[in-house]
Amino acid sequence: MDVGIIRQVTGVHYLEKPSKSIIVTTSFFTKDAQDAAKKIEQQLALKDYNDLKQWLEKY
């Protein structure tokens, strides 16, 4: 997933004002996407393939 999705979700987050947004993918995030998300890590969480795999193994 590239930085474009981070920007899109950030825009919606700004407009809708939820307490937190999360982007989940069965793939991975590019470095640019991760860097952008770190700037707003209190408002946005990223979960990739490895996170999903851990969740599934846990349950």
C-alpha atoms as a PDB file:
ATOM      1  CA  MET A   1       0.000   0.000   0.000  1.00  0.00           C
ATOM      2  CA  ASP A   2       1.433   3.351  -0.940  1.00  0.00           C
ATOM      3  CA  VAL A   3       1.241   6.786   0.623  1.00  0.00           C
ATOM      4  CA  GLY A   4      -1.843   7.653  -1.447  1.00  0.00           C
ATOM      5  CA  ILE A   5      -4.149   5.599   0.778  1.00  0.00           C
ATOM      6  CA  ILE A   6      -2.678   7.278   3.862  1.00  0.00           C
ATOM      7  CA  ARG A   7      -3.490  10.672   2.381  1.00  0.00           C
ATOM      8  CA  GLN A   8      -7.020   9.608   1.445  1.00  0.00           C
ATOM      9  CA  VAL A   9      -7.829   8.205   4.867  1.00  0.00           C
ATOM     10  CA  THR A  10      -6.232  11.226   6.545  1.00  0.00           C
ATOM     11  CA  GLY A  11      -8.546  13.495   4.545  1.00  0.00           C
ATOM     12  CA  VAL A  12     -11.628  11.520   5.536  1.00  0.00           C
ATOM     13  CA  HIS A  13     -10.393  11.402   9.135  1.00  0.00           C
ATOM     14  CA  TYR A  14     -10.058  15.180   9.170  1.00  0.00           C
ATOM     15  CA  LEU A  15     -13.572  15.654   7.771  1.00  0.00           C
ATOM     16  CA  GLU A  16     -15.386  13.036   9.866  1.00  0.00           C
ATOM     17  CA  LYS A  17     -13.347  13.479  13.082  1.00  0.00           C
ATOM     18  CA  PRO A  18     -13.341   9.926  14.495  1.00  0.00           C
ATOM     19  CA  SER A  19     -11.226   9.222  17.568  1.00  0.00           C
ATOM     20  CA  LYS A  20      -8.922   6.984  15.498  1.00  0.00           C
ATOM     21  CA  SER A  21      -8.669   5.488  12.018  1.00  0.00           C
ATOM     22  CA  ILE A  22      -7.110   2.180  11.051  1.00  0.00           C
ATOM     23  CA  ILE A  23      -5.945   0.854   7.695  1.00  0.00           C
ATOM     24  CA  VAL A  24      -5.693  -2.930   7.417  1.00  0.00           C
ATOM     25  CA  THR A  25      -4.147  -4.743   4.465  1.00  0.00           C
ATOM     26  CA  THR A  26      -3.202  -8.297   3.561  1.00  0.00           C
ATOM     27  CA  SER A  27      -0.153  -6.748   1.941  1.00  0.00           C
ATOM     28  CA  PHE A  28       2.487  -4.332   3.259  1.00  0.00           C
ATOM     29  CA  PHE A  29       2.906  -0.555   3.480  1.00  0.00           C
ATOM     30  CA  THR A  30       5.642   1.292   1.609  1.00  0.00           C
ATOM     31  CA  LYS A  31       8.226   3.231   3.601  1.00  0.00           C
ATOM     32  CA  ASP A  32       6.634   6.494   2.452  1.00  0.00           C
ATOM     33  CA  ALA A  33       3.253   5.302   3.728  1.00  0.00           C
ATOM     34  CA  GLN A  34       4.752   4.289   7.067  1.00  0.00           C
ATOM     35  CA  ASP A  35       6.572   7.620   7.391  1.00  0.00           C
ATOM     36  CA  ALA A  36       3.392   9.577   6.657  1.00  0.00           C
ATOM     37  CA  ALA A  37       1.400   7.537   9.173  1.00  0.00           C
ATOM     38  CA  LYS A  38       4.015   8.121  11.881  1.00  0.00           C
ATOM     39  CA  LYS A  39       3.323  11.845  11.672  1.00  0.00           C
ATOM     40  CA  ILE A  40      -0.242  11.230  12.865  1.00  0.00           C
ATOM     41  CA  GLU A  41       0.180   7.980  14.784  1.00  0.00           C
ATOM     42  CA  GLN A  42      -2.208   9.151  17.518  1.00  0.00           C
ATOM     43  CA  GLN A  43      -4.997   9.336  14.920  1.00  0.00           C
ATOM     44  CA  LEU A  44      -4.030   6.568  12.484  1.00  0.00           C
ATOM     45  CA  ALA A  45      -2.914   2.967  12.917  1.00  0.00           C
ATOM     46  CA  LEU A  46      -1.542   0.726  10.183  1.00  0.00           C
ATOM     47  CA  LYS A  47      -1.973  -3.048  10.269  1.00  0.00           C
ATOM     48  CA  ASP A  48      -0.316  -5.183   7.610  1.00  0.00           C
ATOM     49  CA  TYR A  49      -0.053  -8.861   6.685  1.00  0.00           C
ATOM     50  CA  ASN A  50       2.144  -9.678   9.673  1.00  0.00           C
ATOM     51  CA  ASP A  51      -0.314  -8.081  12.099  1.00  0.00           C
ATOM     52  CA  LEU A  52      -3.205 -10.028  10.550  1.00  0.00           C
ATOM     53  CA  LYS A  53      -1.218 -13.227  10.741  1.00  0.00           C
ATOM     54  CA  GLN A  54      -0.555 -12.660  14.464  1.00  0.00           C
ATOM     55  CA  TRP A  55      -4.228 -11.923  15.120  1.00  0.00           C
ATOM     56  CA  LEU A  56      -5.287 -15.120  13.340  1.00  0.00           C
ATOM     57  CA  GLU A  57      -2.718 -17.225  15.185  1.00  0.00           C
ATOM     58  CA  LYS A  58      -3.929 -15.789  18.486  1.00  0.00           C
ATOM     59  CA  TYR A  59      -7.541 -16.790  17.848  1.00  0.00           C
END
